[in-house]
PDB file of N, CA and C in Angstrom:
ATOM      1  N   UNK A   1       4.213  -9.522 -16.232  1.00  0.00           N
ATOM      2  CA  UNK A   1       4.808 -10.203 -15.119  1.00  0.00           C
ATOM      3  C   UNK A   1       3.697 -10.802 -14.261  1.00  0.00           C
ATOM      4  N   UNK A   2       3.855 -12.070 -13.923  1.00  0.00           N
ATOM      5  CA  UNK A   2       2.905 -12.750 -13.054  1.00  0.00           C
ATOM      6  C   UNK A   2       3.599 -13.095 -11.744  1.00  0.00           C
ATOM      7  N   UNK A   3       3.034 -12.616 -10.661  1.00  0.00           N
ATOM      8  CA  UNK A   3       3.570 -12.895  -9.333  1.00  0.00           C
ATOM      9  C   UNK A   3       2.729 -13.998  -8.709  1.00  0.00           C
ATOM     10  N   UNK A   4       3.399 -15.011  -8.188  1.00  0.00           N
ATOM     11  CA  UNK A   4       2.725 -16.130  -7.539  1.00  0.00           C
ATOM     12  C   UNK A   4       3.055 -16.110  -6.055  1.00  0.00           C
ATOM     13  N   UNK A   5       2.026 -16.191  -5.222  1.00  0.00           N
ATOM     14  CA  UNK A   5       2.203 -16.254  -3.766  1.00  0.00           C
ATOM     15  C   UNK A   5       2.030 -17.706  -3.345  1.00  0.00           C
ATOM     16  N   UNK A   6       2.980 -18.185  -2.544  1.00  0.00           N
ATOM     17  CA  UNK A   6       2.930 -19.569  -2.079  1.00  0.00           C
ATOM     18  C   UNK A   6       3.121 -19.623  -0.570  1.00  0.00           C
ATOM     19  N   UNK A   7       2.464 -20.570   0.058  1.00  0.00           N
ATOM     20  CA  UNK A   7       2.740 -20.870   1.460  1.00  0.00           C
ATOM     21  C   UNK A   7       3.618 -22.121   1.446  1.00  0.00           C
ATOM     22  N   UNK A   8       4.903 -21.896   1.333  1.00  0.00           N
ATOM     23  CA  UNK A   8       5.848 -23.004   1.201  1.00  0.00           C
ATOM     24  C   UNK A   8       7.141 -22.667   1.920  1.00  0.00           C
ATOM     25  N   UNK A   9       7.777 -23.676   2.415  1.00  0.00           N
ATOM     26  CA  UNK A   9       9.095 -23.503   3.033  1.00  0.00           C
ATOM     27  C   UNK A   9      10.166 -24.090   2.131  1.00  0.00           C
ATOM     28  N   UNK A  10       9.792 -24.352   0.885  1.00  0.00           N
ATOM     29  CA  UNK A  10      10.712 -24.898  -0.103  1.00  0.00           C
ATOM     30  C   UNK A  10      11.428 -23.743  -0.799  1.00  0.00           C
ATOM     31  N   UNK A  11      12.379 -23.147  -0.087  1.00  0.00           N
ATOM     32  CA  UNK A  11      13.164 -22.034  -0.610  1.00  0.00           C
ATOM     33  C   UNK A  11      14.642 -22.308  -0.328  1.00  0.00           C
ATOM     34  N   UNK A  12      15.488 -21.684  -1.109  1.00  0.00           N
ATOM     35  CA  UNK A  12      16.928 -21.827  -0.924  1.00  0.00           C
ATOM     36  C   UNK A  12      17.416 -20.739   0.040  1.00  0.00           C
ATOM     37  N   UNK A  13      18.273 -21.110   0.966  1.00  0.00           N
ATOM     38  CA  UNK A  13      18.799 -20.106   1.908  1.00  0.00           C
ATOM     39  C   UNK A  13      19.420 -18.909   1.197  1.00  0.00           C
ATOM     40  N   UNK A  14      20.146 -19.151   0.118  1.00  0.00           N
ATOM     41  CA  UNK A  14      20.810 -18.037  -0.567  1.00  0.00           C
ATOM     42  C   UNK A  14      19.808 -17.065  -1.195  1.00  0.00           C
ATOM     43  N   UNK A  15      18.632 -17.548  -1.584  1.00  0.00           N
ATOM     44  CA  UNK A  15      17.606 -16.662  -2.132  1.00  0.00           C
ATOM     45  C   UNK A  15      17.021 -15.769  -1.046  1.00  0.00           C
ATOM     46  N   UNK A  16      16.815 -16.345   0.135  1.00  0.00           N
ATOM     47  CA  UNK A  16      16.305 -15.568   1.266  1.00  0.00           C
ATOM     48  C   UNK A  16      17.325 -14.507   1.666  1.00  0.00           C
ATOM     49  N   UNK A  17      18.564 -14.901   1.805  1.00  0.00           N
ATOM     50  CA  UNK A  17      19.621 -13.968   2.211  1.00  0.00           C
ATOM     51  C   UNK A  17      19.775 -12.852   1.187  1.00  0.00           C
ATOM     52  N   UNK A  18      19.616 -13.157  -0.083  1.00  0.00           N
ATOM     53  CA  UNK A  18      19.735 -12.132  -1.126  1.00  0.00           C
ATOM     54  C   UNK A  18      18.702 -11.021  -0.936  1.00  0.00           C
ATOM     55  N   UNK A  19      17.488 -11.388  -0.548  1.00  0.00           N
ATOM     56  CA  UNK A  19      16.448 -10.381  -0.304  1.00  0.00           C
ATOM     57  C   UNK A  19      16.812  -9.517   0.896  1.00  0.00           C
ATOM     58  N   UNK A  20      17.240 -10.138   1.977  1.00  0.00           N
ATOM     59  CA  UNK A  20      17.623  -9.389   3.169  1.00  0.00           C
ATOM     60  C   UNK A  20      18.834  -8.508   2.888  1.00  0.00           C
ATOM     61  N   UNK A  21      19.794  -9.021   2.145  1.00  0.00           N
ATOM     62  CA  UNK A  21      20.992  -8.260   1.818  1.00  0.00           C
ATOM     63  C   UNK A  21      20.660  -7.063   0.924  1.00  0.00           C
ATOM     64  N   UNK A  22      19.780  -7.268  -0.049  1.00  0.00           N
ATOM     65  CA  UNK A  22      19.391  -6.181  -0.958  1.00  0.00           C
ATOM     66  C   UNK A  22      18.728  -5.028  -0.212  1.00  0.00           C
ATOM     67  N   UNK A  23      18.083  -5.348   0.910  1.00  0.00           N
ATOM     68  CA  UNK A  23      17.420  -4.319   1.718  1.00  0.00           C
ATOM     69  C   UNK A  23      18.278  -3.825   2.870  1.00  0.00           C
ATOM     70  N   UNK A  24      19.529  -4.292   2.910  1.00  0.00           N
ATOM     71  CA  UNK A  24      20.497  -3.884   3.936  1.00  0.00           C
ATOM     72  C   UNK A  24      20.015  -4.226   5.339  1.00  0.00           C
ATOM     73  N   UNK A  25      19.289  -5.342   5.469  1.00  0.00           N
ATOM     74  CA  UNK A  25      18.826  -5.793   6.776  1.00  0.00           C
ATOM     75  C   UNK A  25      19.929  -6.600   7.441  1.00  0.00           C
ATOM     76  N   UNK A  26      20.189  -6.323   8.690  1.00  0.00           N
ATOM     77  CA  UNK A  26      21.319  -6.925   9.396  1.00  0.00           C
ATOM     78  C   UNK A  26      21.208  -8.446   9.526  1.00  0.00           C
ATOM     79  N   UNK A  27      20.026  -8.993   9.458  1.00  0.00           N
ATOM     80  CA  UNK A  27      19.869 -10.445   9.564  1.00  0.00           C
ATOM     81  C   UNK A  27      20.593 -11.187   8.444  1.00  0.00           C
ATOM     82  N   UNK A  28      20.887 -10.502   7.360  1.00  0.00           N
ATOM     83  CA  UNK A  28      21.624 -11.129   6.258  1.00  0.00           C
ATOM     84  C   UNK A  28      23.025 -11.538   6.691  1.00  0.00           C
ATOM     85  N   UNK A  29      23.518 -10.919   7.771  1.00  0.00           N
ATOM     86  CA  UNK A  29      24.854 -11.241   8.263  1.00  0.00           C
ATOM     87  C   UNK A  29      24.891 -12.527   9.073  1.00  0.00           C
ATOM     88  N   UNK A  30      23.714 -13.076   9.380  1.00  0.00           N
ATOM     89  CA  UNK A  30      23.603 -14.333  10.119  1.00  0.00           C
ATOM     90  C   UNK A  30      22.679 -15.271   9.341  1.00  0.00           C
ATOM     91  N   UNK A  31      23.131 -15.751   8.194  1.00  0.00           N
ATOM     92  CA  UNK A  31      22.237 -16.482   7.287  1.00  0.00           C
ATOM     93  C   UNK A  31      21.640 -17.760   7.871  1.00  0.00           C
ATOM     94  N   UNK A  32      22.401 -18.515   8.627  1.00  0.00           N
ATOM     95  CA  UNK A  32      21.854 -19.760   9.175  1.00  0.00           C
ATOM     96  C   UNK A  32      20.752 -19.478  10.189  1.00  0.00           C
ATOM     97  N   UNK A  33      20.986 -18.508  11.064  1.00  0.00           N
ATOM     98  CA  UNK A  33      19.983 -18.158  12.064  1.00  0.00           C
ATOM     99  C   UNK A  33      18.734 -17.585  11.402  1.00  0.00           C
ATOM    100  N   UNK A  34      18.933 -16.746  10.397  1.00  0.00           N
ATOM    101  CA  UNK A  34      17.812 -16.152   9.669  1.00  0.00           C
ATOM    102  C   UNK A  34      16.957 -17.234   9.027  1.00  0.00           C
ATOM    103  N   UNK A  35      17.595 -18.129   8.287  1.00  0.00           N
ATOM    104  CA  UNK A  35      16.865 -19.164   7.569  1.00  0.00           C
ATOM    105  C   UNK A  35      16.125 -20.080   8.534  1.00  0.00           C
ATOM    106  N   UNK A  36      16.780 -20.493   9.610  1.00  0.00           N
ATOM    107  CA  UNK A  36      16.127 -21.349  10.606  1.00  0.00           C
ATOM    108  C   UNK A  36      14.937 -20.659  11.257  1.00  0.00           C
ATOM    109  N   UNK A  37      15.082 -19.379  11.557  1.00  0.00           N
ATOM    110  CA  UNK A  37      13.982 -18.631  12.169  1.00  0.00           C
ATOM    111  C   UNK A  37      12.782 -18.573  11.227  1.00  0.00           C
ATOM    112  N   UNK A  38      13.028 -18.295   9.963  1.00  0.00           N
ATOM    113  CA  UNK A  38      11.927 -18.212   9.004  1.00  0.00           C
ATOM    114  C   UNK A  38      11.247 -19.565   8.824  1.00  0.00           C
ATOM    115  N   UNK A  39      12.030 -20.617   8.720  1.00  0.00           N
ATOM    116  CA  UNK A  39      11.441 -21.940   8.526  1.00  0.00           C
ATOM    117  C   UNK A  39      10.660 -22.412   9.741  1.00  0.00           C
ATOM    118  N   UNK A  40      10.970 -21.874  10.901  1.00  0.00           N
ATOM    119  CA  UNK A  40      10.250 -22.254  12.118  1.00  0.00           C
ATOM    120  C   UNK A  40       9.153 -21.255  12.489  1.00  0.00           C
ATOM    121  N   UNK A  41       8.856 -20.330  11.591  1.00  0.00           N
ATOM    122  CA  UNK A  41       7.767 -19.387  11.805  1.00  0.00           C
ATOM    123  C   UNK A  41       6.432 -20.114  11.773  1.00  0.00           C
ATOM    124  N   UNK A  42       5.448 -19.526  12.411  1.00  0.00           N
ATOM    125  CA  UNK A  42       4.096 -20.092  12.376  1.00  0.00           C
ATOM    126  C   UNK A  42       3.571 -20.111  10.944  1.00  0.00           C
ATOM    127  N   UNK A  43       3.749 -19.013  10.244  1.00  0.00           N
ATOM    128  CA  UNK A  43       3.325 -18.894   8.851  1.00  0.00           C
ATOM    129  C   UNK A  43       4.465 -18.299   8.040  1.00  0.00           C
ATOM    130  N   UNK A  44       4.641 -18.796   6.841  1.00  0.00           N
ATOM    131  CA  UNK A  44       5.715 -18.318   5.972  1.00  0.00           C
ATOM    132  C   UNK A  44       5.198 -18.317   4.543  1.00  0.00           C
ATOM    133  N   UNK A  45       5.169 -17.138   3.934  1.00  0.00           N
ATOM    134  CA  UNK A  45       4.675 -16.974   2.570  1.00  0.00           C
ATOM    135  C   UNK A  45       5.792 -16.423   1.698  1.00  0.00           C
ATOM    136  N   UNK A  46       5.799 -16.839   0.450  1.00  0.00           N
ATOM    137  CA  UNK A  46       6.800 -16.364  -0.485  1.00  0.00           C
ATOM    138  C   UNK A  46       6.127 -15.817  -1.738  1.00  0.00           C
ATOM    139  N   UNK A  47       6.797 -14.888  -2.385  1.00  0.00           N
ATOM    140  CA  UNK A  47       6.324 -14.301  -3.644  1.00  0.00           C
ATOM    141  C   UNK A  47       7.355 -14.618  -4.723  1.00  0.00           C
ATOM    142  N   UNK A  48       6.865 -15.099  -5.854  1.00  0.00           N
ATOM    143  CA  UNK A  48       7.740 -15.566  -6.925  1.00  0.00           C
ATOM    144  C   UNK A  48       7.391 -14.899  -8.247  1.00  0.00           C
ATOM    145  N   UNK A  49       8.420 -14.563  -8.983  1.00  0.00           N
ATOM    146  CA  UNK A  49       8.288 -14.148 -10.376  1.00  0.00           C
ATOM    147  C   UNK A  49       8.926 -15.274 -11.174  1.00  0.00           C
ATOM    148  N   UNK A  50       8.120 -16.206 -11.630  1.00  0.00           N
ATOM    149  CA  UNK A  50       8.645 -17.413 -12.256  1.00  0.00           C
ATOM    150  C   UNK A  50       9.355 -18.248 -11.207  1.00  0.00           C
ATOM    151  N   UNK A  51      10.629 -18.509 -11.416  1.00  0.00           N
ATOM    152  CA  UNK A  51      11.430 -19.296 -10.476  1.00  0.00           C
ATOM    153  C   UNK A  51      12.216 -18.421  -9.510  1.00  0.00           C
ATOM    154  N   UNK A  52      12.038 -17.111  -9.607  1.00  0.00           N
ATOM    155  CA  UNK A  52      12.822 -16.171  -8.799  1.00  0.00           C
ATOM    156  C   UNK A  52      12.033 -15.728  -7.568  1.00  0.00           C
ATOM    157  N   UNK A  53      12.629 -15.910  -6.389  1.00  0.00           N
ATOM    158  CA  UNK A  53      12.033 -15.432  -5.144  1.00  0.00           C
ATOM    159  C   UNK A  53      12.194 -13.918  -5.106  1.00  0.00           C
ATOM    160  N   UNK A  54      11.064 -13.205  -4.974  1.00  0.00           N
ATOM    161  CA  UNK A  54      11.132 -11.747  -4.989  1.00  0.00           C
ATOM    162  C   UNK A  54      10.587 -11.117  -3.704  1.00  0.00           C
ATOM    163  N   UNK A  55      10.017 -11.924  -2.822  1.00  0.00           N
ATOM    164  CA  UNK A  55       9.504 -11.386  -1.572  1.00  0.00           C
ATOM    165  C   UNK A  55       9.121 -12.504  -0.633  1.00  0.00           C
ATOM    166  N   UNK A  56       8.973 -12.144   0.628  1.00  0.00           N
ATOM    167  CA  UNK A  56       8.556 -13.121   1.629  1.00  0.00           C
ATOM    168  C   UNK A  56       7.954 -12.422   2.821  1.00  0.00           C
ATOM    169  N   UNK A  57       7.204 -13.182   3.578  1.00  0.00           N
ATOM    170  CA  UNK A  57       6.606 -12.671   4.802  1.00  0.00           C
ATOM    171  C   UNK A  57       6.427 -13.808   5.769  1.00  0.00           C
ATOM    172  N   UNK A  58       6.539 -13.506   7.035  1.00  0.00           N
ATOM    173  CA  UNK A  58       6.342 -14.532   8.047  1.00  0.00           C
ATOM    174  C   UNK A  58       5.592 -13.963   9.237  1.00  0.00           C
ATOM    175  N   UNK A  59       5.006 -14.860  10.014  1.00  0.00           N
ATOM    176  CA  UNK A  59       4.279 -14.452  11.213  1.00  0.00           C
ATOM    177  C   UNK A  59       4.666 -15.379  12.366  1.00  0.00           C
ATOM    178  N   UNK A  60       4.751 -14.798  13.524  1.00  0.00           N
ATOM    179  CA  UNK A  60       5.047 -15.548  14.734  1.00  0.00           C
ATOM    180  C   UNK A  60       3.760 -15.739  15.519  1.00  0.00           C
ATOM    181  N   UNK A  61       3.706 -16.782  16.308  1.00  0.00           N
ATOM    182  CA  UNK A  61       2.528 -17.058  17.105  1.00  0.00           C
ATOM    183  C   UNK A  61       2.943 -17.810  18.361  1.00  0.00           C
ATOM    184  N   UNK A  62       2.170 -17.647  19.401  1.00  0.00           N
ATOM    185  CA  UNK A  62       2.437 -18.419  20.618  1.00  0.00           C
ATOM    186  C   UNK A  62       1.531 -19.659  20.665  1.00  0.00           C
ATOM    187  N   UNK A  63       0.933 -19.975  19.523  1.00  0.00           N
ATOM    188  CA  UNK A  63       0.159 -21.188  19.426  1.00  0.00           C
ATOM    189  C   UNK A  63      -1.287 -20.943  19.290  1.00  0.00           C
TER     190      UNK A  63
END
């Protein structure tokens, strides 16, 4: 298995929500707000196994 880390905001909302839902995180219940918040993060990284999103991380900043 090869995991690829990308700094990209080219992700599907349903893939992001699937990760949050799988971890029982309450943000999965507000998918539009979750996705918008992540896309507007200072930094947003994703982890991929081929074409499958398997992880993500974001950071906030005041500039």
